[in-house]
């Protein structure tokens, strides 16, 4: 019984012929810029959000203060936010604030 060696020969032939063909393709695209994506979102520039709120605590309460940090009667202010900046060249800055105004 003889084995069919054609698939093995085809794999060996592809192994020796494929690298030069791929190298020729790389040489053609080496000096070109990559194509610009039409569907990619533009994340450059400033983005973010800010929210603020006020509240009033009508009595001094130690038990309430264990969870919120506020034990005295009176008004309180809470502010949160996030700010991001991204440049086209990859430079970025990110800032975040949470529970400003609450001890």
N, C-alpha and C. Protein backbone atom coordinates (compact mmCIF):
# COMPACT_ATOMS: atom_id res chain seq x y z
N UNK A 1 0.84 -1.16 0.00
CA UNK A 1 0.00 0.00 0.00
C UNK A 1 0.90 1.24 0.00
N UNK A 2 0.60 2.19 -0.85
CA UNK A 2 1.40 3.41 -0.92
C UNK A 2 0.59 4.58 -0.38
N UNK A 3 1.26 5.46 0.31
CA UNK A 3 0.60 6.63 0.90
C UNK A 3 0.59 7.76 -0.12
N UNK A 4 -0.43 8.57 -0.08
CA UNK A 4 -0.54 9.72 -0.95
C UNK A 4 0.20 10.89 -0.29
N UNK A 5 1.30 11.35 -0.85
CA UNK A 5 2.13 12.40 -0.27
C UNK A 5 1.85 13.76 -0.87
N UNK A 6 0.79 13.92 -1.65
CA UNK A 6 0.52 15.21 -2.27
C UNK A 6 0.24 16.32 -1.26
N UNK A 7 -0.52 16.10 -0.19
CA UNK A 7 -0.73 17.17 0.78
C UNK A 7 0.57 17.61 1.46
N UNK A 8 1.46 16.65 1.72
CA UNK A 8 2.74 16.99 2.32
C UNK A 8 3.58 17.82 1.37
N UNK A 9 3.60 17.46 0.09
CA UNK A 9 4.36 18.23 -0.89
C UNK A 9 3.78 19.63 -1.05
N UNK A 10 2.46 19.74 -1.02
CA UNK A 10 1.83 21.05 -1.15
C UNK A 10 2.19 21.94 0.04
N UNK A 11 2.21 21.39 1.24
CA UNK A 11 2.57 22.17 2.44
C UNK A 11 4.02 22.63 2.37
N UNK A 12 4.90 21.75 1.93
CA UNK A 12 6.30 22.13 1.82
C UNK A 12 6.50 23.20 0.76
N UNK A 13 5.81 23.08 -0.36
CA UNK A 13 5.92 24.07 -1.43
C UNK A 13 5.41 25.43 -0.94
N UNK A 14 4.28 25.44 -0.23
CA UNK A 14 3.73 26.68 0.31
C UNK A 14 4.68 27.30 1.33
N UNK A 15 5.33 26.46 2.13
CA UNK A 15 6.26 26.95 3.15
C UNK A 15 7.43 27.70 2.53
N UNK A 16 7.89 27.26 1.38
CA UNK A 16 9.03 27.91 0.74
C UNK A 16 8.63 29.06 -0.16
N UNK A 17 7.42 29.07 -0.70
CA UNK A 17 7.01 30.13 -1.62
C UNK A 17 6.28 31.28 -0.94
N UNK A 18 5.65 31.05 0.19
CA UNK A 18 4.85 32.09 0.85
C UNK A 18 5.68 33.23 1.42
N UNK A 19 6.80 33.01 2.13
CA UNK A 19 7.54 34.15 2.71
C UNK A 19 7.99 35.20 1.70
N UNK A 20 8.54 34.83 0.51
CA UNK A 20 8.89 35.89 -0.44
C UNK A 20 7.68 36.66 -0.94
N UNK A 21 6.56 36.00 -1.12
CA UNK A 21 5.36 36.69 -1.59
C UNK A 21 4.86 37.66 -0.51
N UNK A 22 4.89 37.27 0.74
CA UNK A 22 4.46 38.14 1.83
C UNK A 22 5.42 39.30 2.01
N UNK A 23 6.72 39.06 1.83
CA UNK A 23 7.71 40.12 1.94
C UNK A 23 7.52 41.16 0.84
N UNK A 24 7.17 40.73 -0.36
CA UNK A 24 6.93 41.66 -1.45
C UNK A 24 5.72 42.55 -1.14
N UNK A 25 4.70 41.98 -0.53
CA UNK A 25 3.52 42.75 -0.15
C UNK A 25 3.87 43.77 0.93
N UNK A 26 4.72 43.40 1.90
CA UNK A 26 5.14 44.33 2.94
C UNK A 26 5.97 45.47 2.37
N UNK A 27 6.78 45.20 1.36
CA UNK A 27 7.62 46.23 0.74
C UNK A 27 6.76 47.27 0.04
N UNK A 28 5.63 46.86 -0.54
CA UNK A 28 4.76 47.81 -1.23
C UNK A 28 4.06 48.75 -0.25
N UNK A 29 3.71 48.26 0.92
CA UNK A 29 2.96 49.07 1.89
C UNK A 29 3.84 49.71 2.95
N UNK A 30 5.14 49.55 2.87
CA UNK A 30 6.03 50.05 3.93
C UNK A 30 6.03 51.56 4.04
N UNK A 31 5.99 52.29 2.94
CA UNK A 31 6.07 53.74 2.99
C UNK A 31 4.72 54.42 3.07
N UNK A 32 3.63 53.70 3.06
CA UNK A 32 2.30 54.30 3.05
C UNK A 32 1.73 54.41 4.45
N UNK A 33 0.90 55.43 4.64
CA UNK A 33 0.17 55.59 5.89
C UNK A 33 -0.97 54.57 5.92
N UNK A 34 -1.34 54.10 7.10
CA UNK A 34 -2.49 53.19 7.16
C UNK A 34 -3.76 53.94 6.77
N UNK A 35 -4.71 53.27 6.18
CA UNK A 35 -5.94 53.96 5.79
C UNK A 35 -6.71 54.45 7.01
N UNK A 36 -7.38 55.56 6.87
CA UNK A 36 -8.14 56.12 7.97
C UNK A 36 -9.48 55.40 8.10
N UNK A 37 -9.84 55.11 9.30
CA UNK A 37 -11.08 54.38 9.57
C UNK A 37 -12.27 55.34 9.47
N UNK A 38 -13.21 55.02 8.61
CA UNK A 38 -14.39 55.88 8.46
C UNK A 38 -15.38 55.68 9.60
N UNK A 39 -15.38 54.51 10.20
CA UNK A 39 -16.39 54.18 11.19
C UNK A 39 -15.87 54.27 12.64
N UNK A 40 -14.60 54.57 12.82
CA UNK A 40 -14.04 54.66 14.16
C UNK A 40 -14.46 55.98 14.81
N UNK A 41 -14.91 55.96 16.07
CA UNK A 41 -15.30 57.21 16.73
C UNK A 41 -14.07 58.06 17.04
N UNK A 42 -14.26 59.36 17.04
CA UNK A 42 -13.19 60.31 17.34
C UNK A 42 -13.26 60.66 18.82
N UNK A 43 -12.29 60.21 19.60
CA UNK A 43 -12.27 60.45 21.03
C UNK A 43 -11.40 61.65 21.39
N UNK A 44 -10.91 62.41 20.43
CA UNK A 44 -10.03 63.52 20.75
C UNK A 44 -10.82 64.71 21.30
N UNK A 45 -10.16 65.53 22.08
CA UNK A 45 -10.79 66.70 22.67
C UNK A 45 -11.21 66.45 24.11
N UNK A 46 -12.01 67.36 24.62
CA UNK A 46 -12.47 67.30 26.01
C UNK A 46 -13.78 66.54 26.10
N UNK A 47 -13.95 65.78 27.17
CA UNK A 47 -15.21 65.11 27.44
C UNK A 47 -15.32 64.91 28.95
N UNK A 48 -16.51 64.62 29.42
CA UNK A 48 -16.70 64.37 30.84
C UNK A 48 -18.07 64.76 31.30
N UNK A 49 -18.24 64.77 32.60
CA UNK A 49 -19.52 65.12 33.20
C UNK A 49 -19.29 65.69 34.59
N UNK A 50 -20.25 66.46 35.06
CA UNK A 50 -20.22 67.05 36.40
C UNK A 50 -21.65 67.01 36.93
N UNK A 51 -21.79 66.67 38.18
CA UNK A 51 -23.10 66.72 38.81
C UNK A 51 -22.95 67.25 40.23
N UNK A 52 -23.97 67.93 40.70
CA UNK A 52 -23.94 68.51 42.04
C UNK A 52 -25.33 68.41 42.66
N UNK A 53 -25.36 68.40 43.96
CA UNK A 53 -26.64 68.34 44.67
C UNK A 53 -26.51 68.95 46.04
N UNK A 54 -27.64 69.36 46.60
CA UNK A 54 -27.65 69.89 47.95
C UNK A 54 -28.67 69.09 48.77
N UNK A 55 -28.45 69.07 50.04
CA UNK A 55 -29.36 68.37 50.93
C UNK A 55 -29.43 69.08 52.26
N UNK A 56 -30.37 68.63 53.07
CA UNK A 56 -30.54 69.21 54.39
C UNK A 56 -30.78 68.09 55.38
N UNK A 57 -30.03 68.09 56.47
CA UNK A 57 -30.22 67.12 57.54
C UNK A 57 -30.89 67.86 58.69
N UNK A 58 -32.08 67.36 59.10
CA UNK A 58 -32.88 68.12 60.05
C UNK A 58 -32.59 67.83 61.53
N UNK A 59 -31.71 66.88 61.83
CA UNK A 59 -31.35 66.65 63.22
C UNK A 59 -29.92 66.12 63.34
N UNK A 60 -29.34 66.35 64.50
CA UNK A 60 -28.02 65.78 64.77
C UNK A 60 -28.21 64.29 65.01
N UNK A 61 -27.50 63.46 64.28
CA UNK A 61 -27.71 62.02 64.41
C UNK A 61 -26.39 61.29 64.15
N UNK A 62 -25.86 60.71 65.23
CA UNK A 62 -24.61 59.97 65.11
C UNK A 62 -24.76 58.74 64.22
N UNK A 63 -25.90 58.04 64.32
CA UNK A 63 -26.09 56.82 63.55
C UNK A 63 -26.14 57.10 62.05
N UNK A 64 -26.77 58.19 61.67
CA UNK A 64 -26.79 58.57 60.26
C UNK A 64 -25.39 58.94 59.78
N UNK A 65 -24.60 59.54 60.64
CA UNK A 65 -23.24 59.94 60.30
C UNK A 65 -22.30 58.79 60.07
N UNK A 66 -22.61 57.62 60.62
CA UNK A 66 -21.75 56.46 60.38
C UNK A 66 -21.71 56.09 58.90
N UNK A 67 -22.78 56.37 58.18
CA UNK A 67 -22.86 55.98 56.77
C UNK A 67 -22.58 57.12 55.82
N UNK A 68 -22.92 58.33 56.20
CA UNK A 68 -22.76 59.47 55.29
C UNK A 68 -21.62 60.39 55.67
N UNK A 69 -21.17 60.37 56.89
CA UNK A 69 -20.12 61.27 57.33
C UNK A 69 -20.65 62.57 57.90
N UNK A 70 -21.95 62.81 57.79
CA UNK A 70 -22.56 64.05 58.29
C UNK A 70 -23.32 63.74 59.58
N UNK A 71 -22.95 64.38 60.67
CA UNK A 71 -23.63 64.15 61.94
C UNK A 71 -24.35 65.39 62.45
N UNK A 72 -24.05 66.56 61.90
CA UNK A 72 -24.64 67.81 62.38
C UNK A 72 -25.84 68.21 61.53
N UNK A 73 -26.75 68.94 62.16
CA UNK A 73 -27.91 69.46 61.46
C UNK A 73 -27.48 70.56 60.50
N UNK A 74 -28.13 70.62 59.34
CA UNK A 74 -27.86 71.71 58.41
C UNK A 74 -27.77 71.26 56.96
N UNK A 75 -27.40 72.23 56.11
CA UNK A 75 -27.29 71.96 54.68
C UNK A 75 -25.96 71.28 54.35
N UNK A 76 -25.97 70.51 53.30
CA UNK A 76 -24.74 69.91 52.80
C UNK A 76 -24.75 69.92 51.28
N UNK A 77 -23.57 69.98 50.71
CA UNK A 77 -23.41 70.01 49.26
C UNK A 77 -22.60 68.81 48.84
N UNK A 78 -22.99 68.20 47.74
CA UNK A 78 -22.25 67.06 47.20
C UNK A 78 -21.97 67.33 45.74
N UNK A 79 -20.75 67.04 45.28
CA UNK A 79 -20.39 67.22 43.88
C UNK A 79 -19.53 66.05 43.42
N UNK A 80 -19.76 65.62 42.20
CA UNK A 80 -19.00 64.55 41.56
C UNK A 80 -18.66 65.00 40.15
N UNK A 81 -17.65 64.40 39.56
CA UNK A 81 -17.34 64.72 38.18
C UNK A 81 -16.18 63.93 37.63
N UNK A 82 -16.07 63.98 36.31
CA UNK A 82 -14.98 63.32 35.59
C UNK A 82 -14.67 64.15 34.36
N UNK A 83 -13.40 64.40 34.11
CA UNK A 83 -12.97 65.18 32.96
C UNK A 83 -11.87 64.41 32.25
N UNK A 84 -11.96 64.33 30.91
CA UNK A 84 -10.98 63.62 30.10
C UNK A 84 -10.56 64.50 28.93
N UNK A 85 -9.29 64.42 28.56
CA UNK A 85 -8.79 65.09 27.36
C UNK A 85 -7.89 64.12 26.61
N UNK A 86 -8.13 63.98 25.33
CA UNK A 86 -7.29 63.14 24.47
C UNK A 86 -6.90 63.92 23.24
N UNK A 87 -5.63 63.79 22.88
CA UNK A 87 -5.08 64.46 21.71
C UNK A 87 -4.94 63.45 20.58
N UNK A 88 -4.78 63.92 19.36
CA UNK A 88 -4.62 63.03 18.21
C UNK A 88 -3.33 62.20 18.29
N UNK A 89 -2.30 62.72 18.93
CA UNK A 89 -1.03 61.99 19.00
C UNK A 89 -0.96 61.02 20.18
N UNK A 90 -2.05 60.88 20.94
CA UNK A 90 -2.08 59.90 22.02
C UNK A 90 -1.91 60.47 23.41
N UNK A 91 -1.68 61.77 23.53
CA UNK A 91 -1.55 62.39 24.84
C UNK A 91 -2.91 62.44 25.51
N UNK A 92 -2.98 62.11 26.79
CA UNK A 92 -4.26 62.16 27.47
C UNK A 92 -4.10 62.59 28.92
N UNK A 93 -5.17 63.17 29.45
CA UNK A 93 -5.25 63.57 30.85
C UNK A 93 -6.62 63.15 31.34
N UNK A 94 -6.69 62.57 32.52
CA UNK A 94 -7.96 62.16 33.10
C UNK A 94 -8.02 62.63 34.54
N UNK A 95 -9.17 63.14 34.96
CA UNK A 95 -9.36 63.58 36.33
C UNK A 95 -10.72 63.14 36.83
N UNK A 96 -10.79 62.84 38.11
CA UNK A 96 -12.05 62.35 38.68
C UNK A 96 -12.20 62.90 40.09
N UNK A 97 -13.39 63.32 40.44
CA UNK A 97 -13.69 63.79 41.79
C UNK A 97 -14.99 63.11 42.25
N UNK A 98 -15.03 62.74 43.52
CA UNK A 98 -16.21 62.03 44.04
C UNK A 98 -16.51 62.51 45.45
N UNK A 99 -17.75 62.78 45.72
CA UNK A 99 -18.24 63.16 47.04
C UNK A 99 -17.52 64.39 47.59
N UNK A 100 -17.35 65.40 46.77
CA UNK A 100 -16.78 66.66 47.26
C UNK A 100 -17.82 67.35 48.13
N UNK A 101 -17.42 67.83 49.27
CA UNK A 101 -18.32 68.50 50.19
C UNK A 101 -18.84 67.61 51.30
N UNK A 102 -18.59 66.31 51.21
CA UNK A 102 -19.01 65.39 52.26
C UNK A 102 -17.76 64.91 52.97
N UNK A 103 -17.76 64.95 54.29
CA UNK A 103 -16.59 64.50 55.06
C UNK A 103 -16.37 63.02 54.92
